[in-house]
Structures are given as C-alpha cells and as structure tokens.
C-alpha cells in the first residue's frame, strides 16, 4: 500500500516537473518570437526623437523643429482662458467628432473657400492636430497591397503611415527647372508622375504650401494631379496646414475646390499652424461623407475625443477671423507679413557663411544648400550616413545651431542623392533669430583652420 502511494506521489511530482519545464520552454519560445506587431517593422526610427535630444544636449538655438517660439495672438490666449474659466462643461467631454461650435464655424468659414455647402456634422472631422487627421486618412482608406504616391521631398510621417496601413509608398521627385534656389522652380514631370500609377495605386498625397521646400503649387500644377486622379480614380490626401503662410503674392489653391476633386479628396488643416499655437493640437479633415465616415470610424476607435476647451477657443478665433477676413486686422493677413520678414532675414544670415538658401514661397521652412562645406567640414565615417545628417549633428555640437537634414524627407532609395541640403525654420521669435544670427556671424569670421571647422 505504502509502495503504491510512493509510486503515485513520485509520478505526480515527475508530471508537475515536466509540466513546469514545458511551461518554461513555451515561455522561452514565446519570448524569442516577435514582440512587436508586424505593422511596426521599419517605422521605429524617427528623426525628431534623435534630433530633439541632440538639440537639448548641446543647448542649441533651435531652428530645426517647426513651431513658433513666440506667443499666439492675444485674442487666441484670451479665448482659451475664457473657455477654461467659463462653462464648467467645457472641461468635460464634447461631441466625439468635433465640438459643435467649432465644426459649425469651420463649415461656414471653409465652405466658401472650397466652393461647397459643408455639413458641419458629416463633412468636418476635428482631430488631435493635423497629424491625427493624416493617420486617420491612411488607416481608413489605404489597405494591404495598396500603393500611395508621395512627392519627394515629403513630410517624414507620410511614409511610415503608409507602411502601418499595409500600403507601399511610391516616390516621385520634385526637380528644379531653372534656378534651384527658388522653391517655385521645383516641379513635377507630368509624364513621370503618370508613369508611377499602376493598378494598385490608391491615392496621392499633396502638400501645399510644402514642407520642407516651401513650394506653393500653382493651379496648373494641381490641375495635372487632378486630371490624373480623375482618370485613374485615385484619392487625394491634401495636407494644407500652412495654407495662410504664403508670400510674395503667391496664392494658395485648395485642390478640393478644383473640378472633379471634392468627392475624392481629404483636406487636412491645423489651428496650431494657423494661429501659432501648435501645442493646442487641434486639427481637422474636410471631405465628402462617403470618405469621411471611414475616418470617423478610425477616430472613434482610437483617439475618440479632442480637448473641449481648445476646440471652444478655436471656434471663437475663427468667428473673429471670419469677421475680419481679408482686412489688415486679420491674423491670417498679419502672420505671413511678419514671417516674410523673418524669412528674408534668415536667408541673408545663411548666405554669410556660404550656405545657399532656397527661397520659399510659403510655410515655416527654408532649405539651404551646404555643398560649400563638403571641403571644410569632415565627412561621416559611416559611408551609408547621408552627409547632411552628419553635418547637422556636427553643427549642433560645434556651433550650437539646430537644423534638420533634408535627406530625412526622402525615401530610402534617394536619401544620398539629396544629402547637400538642410531645413531650417524661420517662424521664430526675434530673440531666437538674433541668437542664430550671432552664431552665423561668428562662424563667418572663423578661418578654416579653426578646430571647430575640422
């Protein structure tokens, strides 16, 4: 009897031990497998994470990131304070797809500009910045195997957003025709563009005014894209966050307003860029309901809701702009006048040290050619690293001036072919531009034998 009990106990202990070993083996196998979802493959690196860290590490004058370090207009700050301190319900949830006062004024304001009778509840979606609007567009309308045409250079989030949706980015470059130091001379080749369209092409992304180049697409250039979209039944995602920042008499043309485009276009905008309040993170998407309803599905199952008080404040700000539209008192008139002066000042300063600025027609940004420095500033040890990437890190460390390498705005196959360009932001306070000018003046007076030039 005791022997049988001992054998039974031994059998149980052996079984438990075997199960424990099996469990640990299974856990080890699981741990050795992929942890992250496949949709994250190839999108983990981010230029902003690295360069924001370096800008802080070297205490730089930051002309890299695209945000103004001056205050929004007084009426904007007053509107936010009033929203926070007013109705207690403005501190609570509001309608998921957009605060009613905001979607109503956006529909009224932009309906005339787009030539559409916008329904505030079906043609307008409020998002957490334009970034979320872009994300919703890609997630909602791009599927596994779809191709999306991206115009190079392009804002760097477009490609990873295409990949995360399961799509494939197809690149088409802007090339300078004539003087490359004028952004308007960078153009698409219509035949090359049409050659990029296949049976799998789903959409094309348009960004005007353009980041990082500062190009403002002309009506005839957009017409080429329109004709292509209509011919091949393509969607258009139009990133127009810099719509009010246009200089030298250029005109911002909304592609959704052109013939045949409303029913196939998602237009994306930003209160942060329009009112110099990027941290508020209020953006929007306009479009026909048969497209926008799918963006609403992504939004409701991810972010769901945007900050109520910020939306209330932005609704008031648009009410004011509607009353002042086109007059000298309009912020949308005053801001580009202010930024044009800053653009011209930065261009002059960059020229002092041998950089060749590419004069932008719009946006916050200016690209500059750094070819002059290839004979002065050392090259990276890693042959695969684009020169502009190395140069910007060198400049932050030795000159304490931050910029962004333009190779970051190109697809992997083309990064090395545009490694002679950097991007700088001129939407900065005068004291920031003063500090940048001081750095550039000191740089200009240094000899090539200076240890910081080696």
Foldseek 3Di string as FASTA:
>chain_A
DVVVVVVVVVVVVVVVVVVVVVVVVVVVVVVPDDDDDPLCPPPPDDQCVVQVVLLVVLVFLEQADAAAPDDFDPLLVVLLVCLVPDDPCLQDFAALFAHVLLLVLCQVVCCVVLVHNDDSVQFKGKDQALVLVLLLLLQLFAAAAAEEEEEPLADLVNQSSNSSRNYHYDYFYFCADPDQLALQRGAGDLVVVLVSDDLRYAEYEAEPCGPPAQAHDDPVRLVSVQVSCVVNVHAYEYEYAFQLQFDDPDHHRDSSSDPPHQARYKYKYGPCNQRSNVVQRIIMIGGGNVSVVSSQVVSCVPVRGHNSSSSSSVSVLSVVQVVQPPHPPHSSNVVNVVLVVLQVLVQVLCVLLPWRWRRHRGDQKIKTFQPVLPVQADADPDPLDQRQQVVQSLCCNLLSHHWAQSLSSDPSVCSNVRSRMIMGGSSYDPVSVVVVSVSSVVSSPDDSVPPSRD
